[in-house]
Amino acid sequence: MALRRVVTSFKSAIRPMSSRANIVEAEVLNTERLDAVRAKIVERVSDVKNRLFAVVYVNNRQFKVSQDDLIHLHHNIPLDVGDKIKLEKILLVGGAEFTLVGRPLLDSQAVTVNATVIEKTTTSPELDYNMVNHKGIKVMKWLSKELTVLRINEIVVKPQAVGIDSAEVQ
């Protein structure tokens, strides 16, 4: 009963931390520098020598990939060998001098990661051995898990991912 009185007396003092009063809008102070950084990122992305990497979310896991990497996905995914797919959930993309971070994901129209299914196989067998000594029960199982192997073909970043219209680039 005493706890209830304490809580009700302090109820007006307790406010959630995410109230609208605590949110401060960000403002850009130097737009010239922002435009220069965006232009430099677009220049680096369009350079063919620049090797891009991406963090993608596939099958409840995150993978850091670059071009021609292989991804081993656990479980049998309903795809055939040779199928080309586009990975939609891209968390971030970067190069040697920049990184674009999604909050939580980057726009799938602006950043694309294309992959090809190159193999469907199983892992090497693992031994699962259970023994209950007092009953004389021994169970030995050989288990192997199904795998799907993807090859990352390309990572493409369009200028709209940086916040620049395609008309401004040309």
Protein backbone atom coordinates (compact mmCIF):
# COMPACT_ATOMS: atom_id res chain seq x y z
CA MET A 1 0.00 0.00 0.00
CA ALA A 2 2.84 2.37 0.83
CA LEU A 3 4.47 1.64 -2.52
CA ARG A 4 1.29 2.59 -4.36
CA ARG A 5 1.20 5.94 -2.55
CA VAL A 6 4.83 6.64 -3.48
CA VAL A 7 4.27 5.78 -7.15
CA THR A 8 1.11 7.87 -7.42
CA SER A 9 2.73 10.86 -5.73
CA PHE A 10 5.69 10.81 -8.15
CA LYS A 11 3.62 9.97 -11.22
CA SER A 12 3.75 13.53 -12.52
CA ALA A 13 7.56 13.55 -12.21
CA ILE A 14 8.02 10.38 -14.29
CA ARG A 15 8.12 11.09 -18.04
CA PRO A 16 9.19 8.83 -20.86
CA MET A 17 12.65 9.62 -22.22
CA SER A 18 11.44 9.64 -25.82
CA SER A 19 8.96 12.47 -25.46
CA ARG A 20 8.69 15.07 -28.21
CA ALA A 21 10.24 17.69 -25.93
CA ASN A 22 13.57 15.82 -25.90
CA ILE A 23 13.90 15.52 -29.69
CA VAL A 24 16.17 18.11 -31.27
CA GLU A 25 16.05 18.55 -35.03
CA ALA A 26 19.45 18.43 -36.74
CA GLU A 27 20.39 21.32 -38.95
CA VAL A 28 23.06 21.49 -41.62
CA LEU A 29 25.50 24.31 -40.92
CA ASN A 30 27.75 24.08 -43.97
CA THR A 31 25.94 23.00 -47.14
CA GLU A 32 28.98 23.64 -49.34
CA ARG A 33 31.01 21.04 -47.48
CA LEU A 34 28.10 18.60 -47.56
CA ASP A 35 27.83 18.98 -51.35
CA ALA A 36 31.60 18.53 -51.73
CA VAL A 37 31.52 15.30 -49.69
CA ARG A 38 28.59 13.97 -51.71
CA ALA A 39 30.35 14.77 -54.99
CA LYS A 40 33.52 13.02 -53.78
CA ILE A 41 31.54 9.91 -52.82
CA VAL A 42 29.84 9.81 -56.24
CA GLU A 43 33.28 10.14 -57.86
CA ARG A 44 34.64 7.23 -55.81
CA VAL A 45 31.61 5.04 -56.52
CA SER A 46 31.86 5.59 -60.28
CA ASP A 47 35.59 4.71 -60.30
CA VAL A 48 35.97 1.15 -61.62
CA LYS A 49 39.19 0.57 -59.65
CA ASN A 50 37.40 1.18 -56.35
CA ARG A 51 36.46 -2.10 -54.68
CA LEU A 52 33.13 -1.78 -52.88
CA PHE A 53 31.96 -3.88 -49.95
CA ALA A 54 28.49 -4.33 -48.50
CA VAL A 55 26.92 -5.81 -45.41
CA VAL A 56 23.82 -7.76 -46.44
CA TYR A 57 21.17 -9.48 -44.35
CA VAL A 58 20.31 -12.92 -45.75
CA ASN A 59 18.58 -15.84 -44.05
CA ASN A 60 18.68 -14.23 -40.56
CA ARG A 61 22.43 -13.56 -40.79
CA GLN A 62 24.66 -10.65 -41.74
CA PHE A 63 27.47 -11.09 -44.25
CA LYS A 64 30.20 -8.64 -45.25
CA VAL A 65 30.70 -9.21 -48.96
CA SER A 66 32.53 -7.74 -51.92
CA GLN A 67 32.53 -8.68 -55.59
CA ASP A 68 33.23 -12.39 -56.37
CA ASP A 69 32.81 -13.49 -52.72
CA LEU A 70 31.06 -16.73 -51.78
CA ILE A 71 28.32 -16.96 -49.14
CA HIS A 72 27.39 -20.28 -47.55
CA LEU A 73 23.73 -20.16 -46.50
CA HIS A 74 22.49 -22.81 -44.11
CA HIS A 75 19.28 -24.64 -45.01
CA ASN A 76 17.92 -25.50 -48.40
CA ILE A 77 16.72 -22.30 -50.04
CA PRO A 78 14.14 -22.88 -52.81
CA LEU A 79 16.38 -21.75 -55.67
CA ASP A 80 17.95 -23.70 -58.51
CA VAL A 81 21.62 -23.70 -59.43
CA GLY A 82 22.27 -20.85 -61.85
CA ASP A 83 19.44 -18.63 -60.60
CA LYS A 84 20.34 -14.95 -60.35
CA ILE A 85 18.94 -13.05 -57.37
CA LYS A 86 19.02 -9.50 -56.06
CA LEU A 87 19.70 -9.13 -52.34
CA GLU A 88 17.23 -6.58 -50.97
CA LYS A 89 18.32 -6.05 -47.37
CA ILE A 90 21.53 -4.03 -47.49
CA LEU A 91 22.71 -2.59 -44.19
CA LEU A 92 25.71 -0.61 -45.42
CA VAL A 93 27.94 -0.08 -48.42
CA GLY A 94 31.46 1.29 -48.42
CA GLY A 95 34.78 1.65 -50.13
CA ALA A 96 38.29 2.64 -49.13
CA GLU A 97 37.34 6.24 -48.31
CA PHE A 98 33.61 6.25 -47.53
CA THR A 99 30.80 4.28 -45.93
CA LEU A 100 27.05 4.66 -46.46
CA VAL A 101 25.11 3.37 -43.45
CA GLY A 102 21.41 2.57 -43.59
CA ARG A 103 19.14 3.25 -40.65
CA PRO A 104 18.33 0.33 -40.58
CA LEU A 105 18.49 -0.44 -44.33
CA LEU A 106 19.68 1.37 -47.44
CA ASP A 107 17.19 2.00 -50.23
CA SER A 108 17.03 -1.10 -52.43
CA GLN A 109 16.44 1.11 -55.50
CA ALA A 110 19.71 3.00 -54.92
CA VAL A 111 22.00 0.13 -53.87
CA THR A 112 21.87 -3.30 -55.48
CA VAL A 113 23.79 -6.47 -54.69
CA ASN A 114 23.38 -9.18 -57.32
CA ALA A 115 24.23 -12.83 -56.66
CA THR A 116 24.06 -16.21 -58.39
CA VAL A 117 23.37 -19.61 -56.87
CA ILE A 118 26.41 -21.69 -57.79
CA GLU A 119 26.02 -24.80 -55.64
CA LYS A 120 23.58 -26.73 -53.47
CA THR A 121 25.32 -29.25 -51.27
CA THR A 122 25.55 -30.67 -47.76
CA THR A 123 28.16 -30.21 -45.06
CA SER A 124 30.52 -32.97 -44.09
CA PRO A 125 28.84 -35.44 -41.72
CA GLU A 126 29.08 -34.81 -37.99
CA LEU A 127 28.66 -37.45 -35.34
CA ASP A 128 25.83 -37.00 -32.80
CA TYR A 129 26.30 -39.58 -30.05
CA ASN A 130 23.95 -39.90 -27.06
CA MET A 131 24.41 -42.46 -24.32
CA VAL A 132 22.33 -43.11 -21.22
CA ASN A 133 24.62 -45.32 -19.14
CA HIS A 134 22.22 -46.74 -16.58
CA LYS A 135 19.78 -47.96 -19.23
CA GLY A 136 22.32 -49.21 -21.75
CA ILE A 137 20.96 -46.91 -24.46
CA LYS A 138 23.40 -45.81 -27.14
CA VAL A 139 22.29 -43.68 -30.07
CA MET A 140 24.69 -42.70 -32.82
CA LYS A 141 23.56 -40.44 -35.68
CA TRP A 142 25.47 -38.98 -38.59
CA LEU A 143 24.12 -35.53 -39.37
CA SER A 144 24.85 -33.29 -42.34
CA LYS A 145 23.20 -29.94 -43.00
CA GLU A 146 22.07 -28.60 -46.34
CA LEU A 147 23.91 -25.59 -47.79
CA THR A 148 23.23 -23.13 -50.58
CA VAL A 149 26.28 -21.32 -51.96
CA LEU A 150 25.92 -17.85 -53.52
CA ARG A 151 28.50 -15.88 -55.51
CA ILE A 152 28.27 -12.09 -55.32
CA ASN A 153 28.37 -10.83 -58.92
CA GLU A 154 28.32 -7.07 -58.42
CA ILE A 155 27.64 -4.26 -55.98
CA VAL A 156 26.12 -1.19 -57.63
CA VAL A 157 25.62 2.15 -55.87
CA LYS A 158 23.57 4.76 -57.70
CA PRO A 159 24.03 8.50 -56.99
CA GLN A 160 20.59 8.72 -55.37
CA ALA A 161 21.95 6.64 -52.47
CA VAL A 162 24.15 9.60 -51.55
CA GLY A 163 21.29 12.07 -51.87
CA ILE A 164 22.11 13.49 -55.31
CA ASP A 165 19.68 13.36 -58.23
CA SER A 166 20.96 11.62 -61.35
CA ALA A 167 20.44 14.87 -63.33
CA GLU A 168 22.94 16.70 -61.10
CA VAL A 169 25.71 14.13 -61.74
CA GLN A 170 25.79 14.62 -65.52
